[in-house]
Each structure stands twice: as structure tokens, then as C-alpha cells.
Amino acid sequence: MTMGGERPIPKQVNRQAAQWFAERESGDMTAQDEARFRQWLAADPRHARAFERAAAVWQSMDAPMLAPIPRPARREPGRRMQPARGHRRQWIGAAIAASLALFIAVESDLPTRWRADVMTATGEIREIRLPDGSTAMLNTGSAIAFAPDGRTVTLLKGEAAFQVAPDPAHPFSVKAGKGASTALGTRFIVRQLGDGARVTVTEHSVRVALARKSAVLREGEAIDYDADRLGASRPVSVADADAWTRGRMRVVNRPLGEVVAELGRYHRGYIRVIGDDLAKRPVSGTFDVRDPVGTIDMIQRTLGIGSTRLTDRMILLHC
């Protein structure tokens, strides 16, 4: 609710304000950056309000809690490793932006809550039984709505795995974005991707339709689509695709940035890799998504890298 007739501040503006505040606090802004900031500030009264809000939130936080945790290394007893000054500025800027994002840019998803029959919180994985006897297992931060007979499900956000009860007279379909997936067998996974989705078949087959195009996927195949285009099917590892249903994540030579982004879906906070080279470093292993902080600790020890943290809620990995 907005007081005094003021227009609400869009999420994108809040994000921009957090980023501008972070850049100014890091001390790395140039005269050109400052001029661009002034232009942004004057472009819309909501920009100034959002920036003031970002400043107030940061001042209310316990900034001294931000502390670097160095990479595991051999060093002289009693000597503490200190990060380079330039790198620390980079960490501080990212830390400020991340912290503000936690308190400003993330707003409650009331429209989804109103529409959903079932929702999961961040880090929660839950299985439910639909009215027709089928089951839906919802991954972290997911939501579905379903018809009274349970044979038509809408994925509102996140990801869900479906085990379909046979009923040839009543097809079982899952809608996500503008596409629909109709079971021709028993088990498949649908994950929302922007304005589209990814469909992965783990048993038997599924027909995926978008506008006038459709494709039949077999076990061990996946396909992506967006609002306008249905992609090509491709082979996938079923064991990797549905590992999350067992609380695990399996990766083979995937970039660290991608692995951390996936773990971030299960973390009630913010995790980020600082630096493109580090983000591209390959990672392999089987990880516990139910303990994202413990998994990050293990990855940090294995790769011999450092981290900067504002408690366990905000973690920045760096060289």
C-alpha cells in the first residue's frame, strides 16, 4: 500500500537504486559515473525515493559483520591473511548490493500466492497427492494450481516433478508459460525458465506443444521453449535431472558460477562468485541442496578459494 498518493516503486528501480548505492559506497565511481547517477536520479521522483530507501536500509544494517574468510592456505602462525585493497573494494560493493537486494528488491509474490493451491518456501522440497491420484513433487520456491479433477496443472513458478496416474479418457497436462506438456507415460519434470519452460522426461514419453508446434519427448530427453519458440529435443541424464527430488545436485565439469546459482535457489540469502575466471572454473560432484551453506563450505575448501560473508545469509566467493 502506498501512502500520500505516491506511485509504488517498481522492483527494477529498487534494484537500480541498490546498485547505485553499492557503487558509490565502494569508492570506485568516476566523474562520468557520478554524472550518469545524477541523470538517473533526476529522471523520475521514484528514483530518489528508492535511493533514499536503500541508504536507510544500509544504515540500519550491521555493516561491521562483513568479514573476509580467506582461502585455505599454509601461512605463518599468528599471521592473518588480508585481501588486496582493490579486491576488497570489489567485495564491499558486491556485498552492499547483495545485502540491499535481500531487503529491498525481494518483495512478496502475492499474486502467485492468491492463485496457487500449493507453494514451497526457499529450500523446501515437498510431495503432494493430486485429486486424481497423481503426485507432484515441488522443488524449492515453487507453486502450482490444479483443476478440481487434478488432470490439468499450472506451474506458476519454480519446478515440479509429476508422477501420473493412468487415465486414458482424461489426459494429464501441465501448463507453463504459453506451452503445455501432456503425459503419454508416467513421469516428467517441468521447470519454469523466464516466459517459458524446460520439460524433461524421466519415464516413458510426453508431448510438448507451443502454439501450432509440438514434439514428443522420450525417456532421457529434454526440450526448452519460450513464449514464441519451441526448441529442439536433446539427450539428458535422468539421474542428474531428477537428483533434486532426492535432495541432491549432480554436476560434471559445470562452471562454478552455474553451480553456485543453482545452489542459490535453495539458500535463504544471496550467494555469488566474484570474477569471471573463477566463475568459469569447472566443478564436479554430488552436493546436498538441503544444506547449501555446508555445500559452499565444501566447494570453498576443495577449490582453495576465499569468501566474504555477512553471516551465512550473504556469501561472496572469490580468489
C-alpha atoms as a PDB file:
ATOM      1  CA  MET A   1       0.000   0.000   0.000  1.00  0.00           C
ATOM      2  CA  THR A   2       1.344   3.467  -0.961  1.00  0.00           C
ATOM      3  CA  MET A   3       0.697   6.463   1.279  1.00  0.00           C
ATOM      4  CA  GLY A   4       0.007  10.030   0.159  1.00  0.00           C
ATOM      5  CA  GLY A   5      -0.864   9.128  -3.443  1.00  0.00           C
ATOM      6  CA  GLU A   6       2.746   8.236  -4.327  1.00  0.00           C
ATOM      7  CA  ARG A   7       3.257   5.745  -7.107  1.00  0.00           C
ATOM      8  CA  PRO A   8       4.742   2.413  -5.987  1.00  0.00           C
ATOM      9  CA  ILE A   9       8.413   1.844  -6.707  1.00  0.00           C
ATOM     10  CA  PRO A  10       8.947  -0.933  -9.316  1.00  0.00           C
ATOM     11  CA  LYS A  11      11.268  -3.783  -8.427  1.00  0.00           C
ATOM     12  CA  GLN A  12      13.642  -2.795 -11.249  1.00  0.00           C
ATOM     13  CA  VAL A  13      14.019   0.708  -9.818  1.00  0.00           C
ATOM     14  CA  ASN A  14      14.777  -0.731  -6.370  1.00  0.00           C
ATOM     15  CA  ARG A  15      17.459  -2.926  -7.926  1.00  0.00           C
ATOM     16  CA  GLN A  16      18.963   0.038  -9.756  1.00  0.00           C
ATOM     17  CA  ALA A  17      18.992   2.074  -6.556  1.00  0.00           C
ATOM     18  CA  ALA A  18      20.749  -0.727  -4.673  1.00  0.00           C
ATOM     19  CA  GLN A  19      23.352  -0.973  -7.419  1.00  0.00           C
ATOM     20  CA  TRP A  20      23.971   2.785  -7.499  1.00  0.00           C
ATOM     21  CA  PHE A  21      24.292   2.905  -3.722  1.00  0.00           C
ATOM     22  CA  ALA A  22      26.757  -0.001  -3.810  1.00  0.00           C
ATOM     23  CA  GLU A  23      28.897   1.663  -6.476  1.00  0.00           C
ATOM     24  CA  ARG A  24      29.028   4.940  -4.545  1.00  0.00           C
ATOM     25  CA  GLU A  25      29.912   3.204  -1.266  1.00  0.00           C
ATOM     26  CA  SER A  26      32.676   1.160  -2.915  1.00  0.00           C
ATOM     27  CA  GLY A  27      34.551   4.374  -3.772  1.00  0.00           C
ATOM     28  CA  ASP A  28      35.225   3.354  -7.386  1.00  0.00           C
ATOM     29  CA  MET A  29      32.874   5.743  -9.198  1.00  0.00           C
ATOM     30  CA  THR A  30      34.392   8.093 -11.792  1.00  0.00           C
ATOM     31  CA  ALA A  31      33.191  11.590 -12.664  1.00  0.00           C
ATOM     32  CA  GLN A  32      31.322  10.074 -15.610  1.00  0.00           C
ATOM     33  CA  ASP A  33      29.680   7.539 -13.321  1.00  0.00           C
ATOM     34  CA  GLU A  34      28.615  10.322 -10.973  1.00  0.00           C
ATOM     35  CA  ALA A  35      27.096  12.252 -13.876  1.00  0.00           C
ATOM     36  CA  ARG A  36      25.145   9.182 -15.004  1.00  0.00           C
ATOM     37  CA  PHE A  37      23.954   8.693 -11.433  1.00  0.00           C
ATOM     38  CA  ARG A  38      22.712  12.293 -11.261  1.00  0.00           C
ATOM     39  CA  GLN A  39      20.856  11.826 -14.554  1.00  0.00           C
ATOM     40  CA  TRP A  40      19.239   8.647 -13.270  1.00  0.00           C
ATOM     41  CA  LEU A  41      18.289  10.359 -10.008  1.00  0.00           C
ATOM     42  CA  ALA A  42      16.601  13.258 -11.819  1.00  0.00           C
ATOM     43  CA  ALA A  43      14.773  11.110 -14.364  1.00  0.00           C
ATOM     44  CA  ASP A  44      11.948  10.059 -12.037  1.00  0.00           C
ATOM     45  CA  PRO A  45      10.919  11.073  -8.477  1.00  0.00           C
ATOM     46  CA  ARG A  46      10.724   7.362  -7.605  1.00  0.00           C
ATOM     47  CA  HIS A  47      14.453   7.048  -8.269  1.00  0.00           C
ATOM     48  CA  ALA A  48      15.284   9.454  -5.449  1.00  0.00           C
ATOM     49  CA  ARG A  49      12.826   7.715  -3.128  1.00  0.00           C
ATOM     50  CA  ALA A  50      14.343   4.334  -3.930  1.00  0.00           C
ATOM     51  CA  PHE A  51      17.875   5.625  -3.346  1.00  0.00           C
ATOM     52  CA  GLU A  52      16.910   7.167  -0.002  1.00  0.00           C
ATOM     53  CA  ARG A  53      15.330   3.880   0.991  1.00  0.00           C
ATOM     54  CA  ALA A  54      18.492   1.990   0.025  1.00  0.00           C
ATOM     55  CA  ALA A  55      20.606   4.344   2.139  1.00  0.00           C
ATOM     56  CA  ALA A  56      18.274   3.979   5.124  1.00  0.00           C
ATOM     57  CA  VAL A  57      18.300   0.194   4.888  1.00  0.00           C
ATOM     58  CA  TRP A  58      22.092   0.071   4.704  1.00  0.00           C
ATOM     59  CA  GLN A  59      22.483   2.389   7.691  1.00  0.00           C
ATOM     60  CA  SER A  60      20.164   0.156   9.717  1.00  0.00           C
ATOM     61  CA  MET A  61      22.234  -2.941   8.968  1.00  0.00           C
ATOM     62  CA  ASP A  62      25.190  -4.166  10.980  1.00  0.00           C
ATOM     63  CA  ALA A  63      27.833  -3.427   8.334  1.00  0.00           C
ATOM     64  CA  PRO A  64      30.833  -4.404  10.554  1.00  0.00           C
ATOM     65  CA  MET A  65      29.569  -8.001  10.402  1.00  0.00           C
ATOM     66  CA  LEU A  66      31.017  -8.163   6.864  1.00  0.00           C
ATOM     67  CA  ALA A  67      34.219 -10.153   7.200  1.00  0.00           C
ATOM     68  CA  PRO A  68      36.584 -11.797   4.714  1.00  0.00           C
ATOM     69  CA  ILE A  69      37.170 -15.537   5.169  1.00  0.00           C
ATOM     70  CA  PRO A  70      40.452 -16.315   3.391  1.00  0.00           C
ATOM     71  CA  ARG A  71      41.118 -19.321   1.199  1.00  0.00           C
ATOM     72  CA  PRO A  72      42.627 -22.342   2.968  1.00  0.00           C
ATOM     73  CA  ALA A  73      46.400 -21.925   2.744  1.00  0.00           C
ATOM     74  CA  ARG A  74      49.635 -22.548   4.616  1.00  0.00           C
ATOM     75  CA  ARG A  75      50.787 -19.480   6.458  1.00  0.00           C
ATOM     76  CA  GLU A  76      52.921 -18.415   9.376  1.00  0.00           C
ATOM     77  CA  PRO A  77      51.340 -18.948  12.821  1.00  0.00           C
ATOM     78  CA  GLY A  78      49.553 -15.860  14.077  1.00  0.00           C
ATOM     79  CA  ARG A  79      49.652 -14.120  10.715  1.00  0.00           C
ATOM     80  CA  ARG A  80      46.245 -13.222   9.296  1.00  0.00           C
ATOM     81  CA  MET A  81      45.759 -13.178   5.542  1.00  0.00           C
ATOM     82  CA  GLN A  82      44.487  -9.830   4.253  1.00  0.00           C
ATOM     83  CA  PRO A  83      42.827  -9.320   0.889  1.00  0.00           C
ATOM     84  CA  ALA A  84      44.238  -6.855  -1.609  1.00  0.00           C
ATOM     85  CA  ARG A  85      42.710  -3.415  -1.240  1.00  0.00           C
ATOM     86  CA  GLY A  86      41.332  -3.237  -4.785  1.00  0.00           C
ATOM     87  CA  HIS A  87      39.735  -6.631  -4.467  1.00  0.00           C
ATOM     88  CA  ARG A  88      38.258  -5.758  -1.093  1.00  0.00           C
ATOM     89  CA  ARG A  89      36.576  -2.722  -2.634  1.00  0.00           C
ATOM     90  CA  GLN A  90      35.068  -5.019  -5.214  1.00  0.00           C
ATOM     91  CA  TRP A  91      33.795  -7.332  -2.470  1.00  0.00           C
ATOM     92  CA  ILE A  92      32.359  -4.436  -0.492  1.00  0.00           C
ATOM     93  CA  GLY A  93      30.467  -3.084  -3.495  1.00  0.00           C
ATOM     94  CA  ALA A  94      29.040  -6.505  -4.286  1.00  0.00           C
ATOM     95  CA  ALA A  95      28.269  -7.098  -0.616  1.00  0.00           C
ATOM     96  CA  ILE A  96      26.331  -3.865  -0.323  1.00  0.00           C
ATOM     97  CA  ALA A  97      24.337  -4.555  -3.475  1.00  0.00           C
ATOM     98  CA  ALA A  98      23.609  -8.110  -2.352  1.00  0.00           C
ATOM     99  CA  SER A  99      22.577  -7.060   1.129  1.00  0.00           C
ATOM    100  CA  LEU A 100      20.265  -4.352  -0.155  1.00  0.00           C
ATOM    101  CA  ALA A 101      18.806  -6.810  -2.646  1.00  0.00           C
ATOM    102  CA  LEU A 102      17.851  -9.061   0.249  1.00  0.00           C
ATOM    103  CA  PHE A 103      15.927  -6.290   1.993  1.00  0.00           C
ATOM    104  CA  ILE A 104      14.665  -4.158  -0.913  1.00  0.00           C
ATOM    105  CA  ALA A 105      14.418  -5.928  -4.274  1.00  0.00           C
ATOM    106  CA  VAL A 106      12.814  -9.090  -2.924  1.00  0.00           C
ATOM    107  CA  GLU A 107       9.121  -8.440  -2.392  1.00  0.00           C
ATOM    108  CA  SER A 108       6.369 -10.875  -1.525  1.00  0.00           C
ATOM    109  CA  ASP A 109       4.749 -12.595  -4.504  1.00  0.00           C
ATOM    110  CA  LEU A 110       1.118 -12.009  -3.523  1.00  0.00           C
ATOM    111  CA  PRO A 111      -0.431 -12.650  -6.966  1.00  0.00           C
ATOM    112  CA  THR A 112       1.175 -16.095  -7.076  1.00  0.00           C
ATOM    113  CA  ARG A 113       0.038 -16.852  -3.537  1.00  0.00           C
ATOM    114  CA  TRP A 114      -3.534 -15.973  -4.427  1.00  0.00           C
ATOM    115  CA  ARG A 115      -3.520 -18.282  -7.459  1.00  0.00           C
ATOM    116  CA  ALA A 116      -1.577 -21.211  -6.001  1.00  0.00           C
ATOM    117  CA  ASP A 117      -3.038 -24.352  -4.496  1.00  0.00           C
ATOM    118  CA  VAL A 118       0.384 -25.425  -3.213  1.00  0.00           C
ATOM    119  CA  MET A 119       3.611 -23.484  -2.670  1.00  0.00           C
ATOM    120  CA  THR A 120       7.042 -24.334  -1.300  1.00  0.00           C
ATOM    121  CA  ALA A 121       9.359 -21.988   0.549  1.00  0.00           C
ATOM    122  CA  THR A 122      13.011 -21.452  -0.309  1.00  0.00           C
ATOM    123  CA  GLY A 123      14.894 -24.669   0.445  1.00  0.00           C
ATOM    124  CA  GLU A 124      11.698 -26.730   0.800  1.00  0.00           C
ATOM    125  CA  ILE A 125      11.006 -29.818  -1.339  1.00  0.00           C
ATOM    126  CA  ARG A 126       7.546 -31.310  -0.885  1.00  0.00           C
ATOM    127  CA  GLU A 127       5.431 -34.012  -2.497  1.00  0.00           C
ATOM    128  CA  ILE A 128       1.627 -33.780  -2.662  1.00  0.00           C
ATOM    129  CA  ARG A 129      -1.099 -36.069  -3.963  1.00  0.00           C
ATOM    130  CA  LEU A 130      -3.415 -34.595  -6.594  1.00  0.00           C
ATOM    131  CA  PRO A 131      -7.165 -35.360  -6.648  1.00  0.00           C
ATOM    132  CA  ASP A 132      -6.763 -37.942  -9.441  1.00  0.00           C
ATOM    133  CA  GLY A 133      -4.126 -39.951  -7.558  1.00  0.00           C
ATOM    134  CA  SER A 134      -1.157 -38.461  -9.416  1.00  0.00           C
ATOM    135  CA  THR A 135       1.630 -36.889  -7.369  1.00  0.00           C
ATOM    136  CA  ALA A 136       3.508 -33.618  -7.772  1.00  0.00           C
ATOM    137  CA  MET A 137       6.851 -33.022  -6.073  1.00  0.00           C
ATOM    138  CA  LEU A 138       7.591 -29.311  -5.838  1.00  0.00           C
ATOM    139  CA  ASN A 139      11.163 -28.094  -5.783  1.00  0.00           C
ATOM    140  CA  THR A 140      12.384 -25.072  -3.806  1.00  0.00           C
ATOM    141  CA  GLY A 141      10.396 -21.852  -4.221  1.00  0.00           C
ATOM    142  CA  SER A 142       7.742 -23.368  -6.474  1.00  0.00           C
ATOM    143  CA  ALA A 143       3.988 -23.037  -6.881  1.00  0.00           C
ATOM    144  CA  ILE A 144       1.250 -24.896  -8.743  1.00  0.00           C
ATOM    145  CA  ALA A 145      -2.501 -24.613  -9.254  1.00  0.00           C
ATOM    146  CA  PHE A 146      -4.659 -27.503 -10.426  1.00  0.00           C
ATOM    147  CA  ALA A 147      -8.137 -28.240 -11.718  1.00  0.00           C
ATOM    148  CA  PRO A 148     -10.640 -29.942  -9.379  1.00  0.00           C
ATOM    149  CA  ASP A 149     -10.019 -33.315 -11.033  1.00  0.00           C
ATOM    150  CA  GLY A 150      -6.256 -32.851 -10.824  1.00  0.00           C
ATOM    151  CA  ARG A 151      -5.699 -33.631 -14.518  1.00  0.00           C
ATOM    152  CA  THR A 152      -4.708 -30.082 -15.509  1.00  0.00           C
ATOM    153  CA  VAL A 153      -1.917 -28.424 -13.552  1.00  0.00           C
ATOM    154  CA  THR A 154      -0.460 -24.937 -13.998  1.00  0.00           C
ATOM    155  CA  LEU A 155       3.140 -24.360 -12.932  1.00  0.00           C
ATOM    156  CA  LEU A 156       3.091 -20.810 -11.588  1.00  0.00           C
ATOM    157  CA  LYS A 157       6.772 -20.679 -10.698  1.00  0.00           C
ATOM    158  CA  GLY A 158       9.744 -22.915  -9.963  1.00  0.00           C
ATOM    159  CA  GLU A 159       9.902 -26.607 -10.795  1.00  0.00           C
ATOM    160  CA  ALA A 160       7.859 -29.737 -10.214  1.00  0.00           C
ATOM    161  CA  ALA A 161       8.149 -33.450 -10.962  1.00  0.00           C
ATOM    162  CA  PHE A 162       4.947 -35.303 -11.830  1.00  0.00           C
ATOM    163  CA  GLN A 163       4.134 -38.995 -11.375  1.00  0.00           C
ATOM    164  CA  VAL A 164       0.980 -39.501 -13.432  1.00  0.00           C
ATOM    165  CA  ALA A 165      -1.861 -41.844 -12.510  1.00  0.00           C
ATOM    166  CA  PRO A 166      -3.107 -43.594 -15.696  1.00  0.00           C
ATOM    167  CA  ASP A 167      -6.487 -42.479 -17.060  1.00  0.00           C
ATOM    168  CA  PRO A 168      -6.643 -42.728 -20.877  1.00  0.00           C
ATOM    169  CA  ALA A 169     -10.002 -40.964 -21.008  1.00  0.00           C
ATOM    170  CA  HIS A 170      -8.642 -37.873 -19.252  1.00  0.00           C
ATOM    171  CA  PRO A 171      -5.191 -36.675 -20.411  1.00  0.00           C
ATOM    172  CA  PHE A 172      -2.863 -35.219 -17.792  1.00  0.00           C
ATOM    173  CA  SER A 173      -1.364 -31.860 -18.791  1.00  0.00           C
ATOM    174  CA  VAL A 174       0.926 -29.299 -17.203  1.00  0.00           C
ATOM    175  CA  LYS A 175       0.782 -25.696 -18.406  1.00  0.00           C
ATOM    176  CA  ALA A 176       3.788 -23.414 -18.037  1.00  0.00           C
ATOM    177  CA  GLY A 177       4.002 -20.104 -19.856  1.00  0.00           C
ATOM    178  CA  LYS A 178       2.305 -20.441 -23.227  1.00  0.00           C
ATOM    179  CA  GLY A 179       3.147 -24.128 -23.598  1.00  0.00           C
ATOM    180  CA  ALA A 180       1.585 -27.344 -22.351  1.00  0.00           C
ATOM    181  CA  SER A 181       3.030 -30.794 -21.665  1.00  0.00           C
ATOM    182  CA  THR A 182       0.709 -33.800 -21.932  1.00  0.00           C
ATOM    183  CA  ALA A 183       1.760 -37.096 -20.409  1.00  0.00           C
ATOM    184  CA  LEU A 184       1.908 -40.095 -22.726  1.00  0.00           C
ATOM    185  CA  GLY A 185       3.543 -42.099 -19.964  1.00  0.00           C
ATOM    186  CA  THR A 186       4.148 -41.675 -16.271  1.00  0.00           C
ATOM    187  CA  ARG A 187       6.856 -39.318 -15.077  1.00  0.00           C
ATOM    188  CA  PHE A 188       8.303 -35.952 -16.170  1.00  0.00           C
ATOM    189  CA  ILE A 189       9.680 -32.681 -14.809  1.00  0.00           C
ATOM    190  CA  VAL A 190       8.715 -29.121 -15.757  1.00  0.00           C
ATOM    191  CA  ARG A 191      10.870 -26.134 -14.789  1.00  0.00           C
ATOM    192  CA  GLN A 192       9.928 -22.529 -15.432  1.00  0.00           C
ATOM    193  CA  LEU A 193      12.528 -20.575 -17.419  1.00  0.00           C
ATOM    194  CA  GLY A 194      11.630 -16.909 -17.845  1.00  0.00           C
ATOM    195  CA  ASP A 195       8.497 -16.772 -20.005  1.00  0.00           C
ATOM    196  CA  GLY A 196       8.878 -20.420 -20.996  1.00  0.00           C
ATOM    197  CA  ALA A 197       9.910 -23.745 -19.503  1.00  0.00           C
ATOM    198  CA  ARG A 198      12.123 -26.812 -19.704  1.00  0.00           C
ATOM    199  CA  VAL A 199      10.451 -30.220 -19.886  1.00  0.00           C
ATOM    200  CA  THR A 200      12.436 -33.352 -19.019  1.00  0.00           C
ATOM    201  CA  VAL A 201      11.065 -36.872 -19.385  1.00  0.00           C
ATOM    202  CA  THR A 202      12.251 -39.373 -16.802  1.00  0.00           C
ATOM    203  CA  GLU A 203       9.883 -42.232 -17.714  1.00  0.00           C
ATOM    204  CA  HIS A 204       8.066 -43.108 -20.945  1.00  0.00           C
ATOM    205  CA  SER A 205       7.091 -40.053 -23.060  1.00  0.00           C
ATOM    206  CA  VAL A 206       5.467 -36.610 -23.104  1.00  0.00           C
ATOM    207  CA  ARG A 207       4.041 -34.393 -25.861  1.00  0.00           C
ATOM    208  CA  VAL A 208       5.084 -30.739 -25.570  1.00  0.00           C
ATOM    209  CA  ALA A 209       3.007 -28.210 -27.503  1.00  0.00           C
ATOM    210  CA  LEU A 210       3.514 -24.497 -28.137  1.00  0.00           C
ATOM    211  CA  ALA A 211       1.137 -22.673 -30.467  1.00  0.00           C
ATOM    212  CA  ARG A 212       0.904 -24.904 -33.568  1.00  0.00           C
ATOM    213  CA  LYS A 213       4.150 -26.759 -32.948  1.00  0.00           C
ATOM    214  CA  SER A 214       4.644 -29.871 -30.867  1.00  0.00           C
ATOM    215  CA  ALA A 215       7.261 -32.505 -30.128  1.00  0.00           C
ATOM    216  CA  VAL A 216       7.171 -35.916 -28.463  1.00  0.00           C
ATOM    217  CA  LEU A 217       9.939 -36.495 -25.928  1.00  0.00           C
ATOM    218  CA  ARG A 218      11.133 -39.932 -24.905  1.00  0.00           C
ATOM    219  CA  GLU A 219      12.705 -41.003 -21.629  1.00  0.00           C
ATOM    220  CA  GLY A 220      16.052 -39.259 -21.172  1.00  0.00           C
ATOM    221  CA  GLU A 221      15.183 -36.276 -23.385  1.00  0.00           C
ATOM    222  CA  ALA A 222      14.525 -32.608 -22.609  1.00  0.00           C
ATOM    223  CA  ILE A 223      13.295 -29.567 -24.501  1.00  0.00           C
ATOM    224  CA  ASP A 224      13.151 -25.826 -23.806  1.00  0.00           C
ATOM    225  CA  TYR A 225      10.614 -23.313 -25.052  1.00  0.00           C
ATOM    226  CA  ASP A 226       9.894 -19.642 -24.589  1.00  0.00           C
ATOM    227  CA  ALA A 227       6.879 -17.522 -25.473  1.00  0.00           C
ATOM    228  CA  ASP A 228       7.453 -17.874 -29.227  1.00  0.00           C
ATOM    229  CA  ARG A 229       9.808 -20.751 -29.968  1.00  0.00           C
ATOM    230  CA  LEU A 230       9.908 -24.471 -29.288  1.00  0.00           C
ATOM    231  CA  GLY A 231      13.485 -25.681 -29.188  1.00  0.00           C
ATOM    232  CA  ALA A 232      14.957 -28.985 -30.311  1.00  0.00           C
ATOM    233  CA  SER A 233      14.931 -32.028 -28.053  1.00  0.00           C
ATOM    234  CA  ARG A 234      18.252 -33.163 -26.626  1.00  0.00           C
ATOM    235  CA  PRO A 235      19.515 -36.094 -24.546  1.00  0.00           C
ATOM    236  CA  VAL A 236      19.948 -35.606 -20.777  1.00  0.00           C
ATOM    237  CA  SER A 237      20.989 -37.715 -17.816  1.00  0.00           C
ATOM    238  CA  VAL A 238      17.854 -38.751 -15.937  1.00  0.00           C
ATOM    239  CA  ALA A 239      19.903 -39.310 -12.771  1.00  0.00           C
ATOM    240  CA  ASP A 240      21.193 -35.728 -12.930  1.00  0.00           C
ATOM    241  CA  ALA A 241      17.856 -34.188 -13.926  1.00  0.00           C
ATOM    242  CA  ASP A 242      15.859 -35.611 -11.026  1.00  0.00           C
ATOM    243  CA  ALA A 243      18.618 -35.672  -8.385  1.00  0.00           C
ATOM    244  CA  TRP A 244      16.882 -32.749  -6.641  1.00  0.00           C
ATOM    245  CA  THR A 245      13.902 -34.994  -5.859  1.00  0.00           C
ATOM    246  CA  ARG A 246      16.299 -36.851  -3.533  1.00  0.00           C
ATOM    247  CA  GLY A 247      17.790 -33.655  -2.122  1.00  0.00           C
ATOM    248  CA  ARG A 248      20.910 -33.868  -4.264  1.00  0.00           C
ATOM    249  CA  MET A 249      22.543 -31.993  -7.132  1.00  0.00           C
ATOM    250  CA  ARG A 250      24.858 -33.855  -9.510  1.00  0.00           C
ATOM    251  CA  VAL A 251      27.245 -31.887 -11.736  1.00  0.00           C
ATOM    252  CA  VAL A 252      30.083 -32.874 -14.061  1.00  0.00           C
ATOM    253  CA  ASN A 253      32.509 -30.179 -15.190  1.00  0.00           C
ATOM    254  CA  ARG A 254      29.977 -27.385 -14.829  1.00  0.00           C
ATOM    255  CA  PRO A 255      31.194 -23.794 -14.282  1.00  0.00           C
ATOM    256  CA  LEU A 256      31.344 -22.737 -10.660  1.00  0.00           C
ATOM    257  CA  GLY A 257      29.092 -19.756 -11.405  1.00  0.00           C
ATOM    258  CA  GLU A 258      26.328 -22.067 -12.657  1.00  0.00           C
ATOM    259  CA  VAL A 259      26.701 -24.422  -9.704  1.00  0.00           C
ATOM    260  CA  VAL A 260      26.513 -21.550  -7.203  1.00  0.00           C
ATOM    261  CA  ALA A 261      23.493 -20.073  -8.994  1.00  0.00           C
ATOM    262  CA  GLU A 262      21.715 -23.417  -8.720  1.00  0.00           C
ATOM    263  CA  LEU A 263      22.592 -23.743  -5.029  1.00  0.00           C
ATOM    264  CA  GLY A 264      21.328 -20.202  -4.541  1.00  0.00           C
ATOM    265  CA  ARG A 265      17.806 -21.396  -5.338  1.00  0.00           C
ATOM    266  CA  TYR A 266      17.870 -23.361  -2.068  1.00  0.00           C
ATOM    267  CA  HIS A 267      19.522 -20.676   0.069  1.00  0.00           C
ATOM    268  CA  ARG A 268      17.560 -18.093   2.076  1.00  0.00           C
ATOM    269  CA  GLY A 269      20.020 -15.393   1.204  1.00  0.00           C
ATOM    270  CA  TYR A 270      22.490 -14.478  -1.514  1.00  0.00           C
ATOM    271  CA  ILE A 271      25.479 -16.379  -2.918  1.00  0.00           C
ATOM    272  CA  ARG A 272      27.672 -15.024  -5.704  1.00  0.00           C
ATOM    273  CA  VAL A 273      31.005 -15.733  -7.386  1.00  0.00           C
ATOM    274  CA  ILE A 274      33.228 -12.664  -7.846  1.00  0.00           C
ATOM    275  CA  GLY A 275      35.329 -12.687 -11.008  1.00  0.00           C
ATOM    276  CA  ASP A 276      34.690 -14.188 -14.447  1.00  0.00           C
ATOM    277  CA  ASP A 277      37.710 -16.503 -14.327  1.00  0.00           C
ATOM    278  CA  LEU A 278      36.620 -18.049 -11.039  1.00  0.00           C
ATOM    279  CA  ALA A 279      33.015 -18.324 -12.235  1.00  0.00           C
ATOM    280  CA  LYS A 280      34.227 -20.382 -15.213  1.00  0.00           C
ATOM    281  CA  ARG A 281      36.275 -22.842 -13.126  1.00  0.00           C
ATOM    282  CA  PRO A 282      34.865 -26.366 -13.658  1.00  0.00           C
ATOM    283  CA  VAL A 283      33.268 -28.199 -10.748  1.00  0.00           C
ATOM    284  CA  SER A 284      32.185 -31.838 -10.453  1.00  0.00           C
ATOM    285  CA  GLY A 285      30.471 -33.657  -7.622  1.00  0.00           C
ATOM    286  CA  THR A 286      27.245 -34.615  -5.894  1.00  0.00           C
ATOM    287  CA  PHE A 287      26.039 -31.976  -3.464  1.00  0.00           C
ATOM    288  CA  ASP A 288      23.351 -31.734  -0.782  1.00  0.00           C
ATOM    289  CA  VAL A 289      20.880 -28.993  -1.747  1.00  0.00           C
ATOM    290  CA  ARG A 290      19.297 -29.244   1.705  1.00  0.00           C
ATOM    291  CA  ASP A 291      22.472 -27.703   3.159  1.00  0.00           C
ATOM    292  CA  PRO A 292      23.603 -25.038   0.660  1.00  0.00           C
ATOM    293  CA  VAL A 293      25.913 -23.299   3.151  1.00  0.00           C
ATOM    294  CA  GLY A 294      27.647 -26.580   4.025  1.00  0.00           C
ATOM    295  CA  THR A 295      27.974 -27.330   0.318  1.00  0.00           C
ATOM    296  CA  ILE A 296      29.517 -23.909  -0.333  1.00  0.00           C
ATOM    297  CA  ASP A 297      31.965 -24.536   2.526  1.00  0.00           C
ATOM    298  CA  MET A 298      32.970 -27.843   0.933  1.00  0.00           C
ATOM    299  CA  ILE A 299      33.411 -26.276  -2.506  1.00  0.00           C
ATOM    300  CA  GLN A 300      35.482 -23.479  -0.972  1.00  0.00           C
ATOM    301  CA  ARG A 301      37.816 -25.973   0.735  1.00  0.00           C
ATOM    302  CA  THR A 302      38.083 -28.161  -2.365  1.00  0.00           C
ATOM    303  CA  LEU A 303      38.950 -25.288  -4.710  1.00  0.00           C
ATOM    304  CA  GLY A 304      41.113 -23.475  -2.158  1.00  0.00           C
ATOM    305  CA  ILE A 305      39.316 -20.153  -2.586  1.00  0.00           C
ATOM    306  CA  GLY A 306      38.211 -17.456  -0.158  1.00  0.00           C
ATOM    307  CA  SER A 307      34.868 -15.968   0.791  1.00  0.00           C
ATOM    308  CA  THR A 308      33.454 -12.805   2.303  1.00  0.00           C
ATOM    309  CA  ARG A 309      30.286 -13.162   4.375  1.00  0.00           C
ATOM    310  CA  LEU A 310      27.591 -11.155   6.074  1.00  0.00           C
ATOM    311  CA  THR A 311      26.644 -14.056   8.344  1.00  0.00           C
ATOM    312  CA  ASP A 312      25.519 -17.079   6.306  1.00  0.00           C
ATOM    313  CA  ARG A 313      22.815 -15.040   4.593  1.00  0.00           C
ATOM    314  CA  MET A 314      25.194 -13.375   2.136  1.00  0.00           C
ATOM    315  CA  ILE A 315      28.265 -15.198   0.794  1.00  0.00           C
ATOM    316  CA  LEU A 316      30.693 -13.918  -1.853  1.00  0.00           C
ATOM    317  CA  LEU A 317      33.240 -16.419  -3.216  1.00  0.00           C
ATOM    318  CA  HIS A 318      36.482 -15.035  -4.602  1.00  0.00           C
ATOM    319  CA  CYS A 319      40.129 -15.869  -5.341  1.00  0.00           C
END
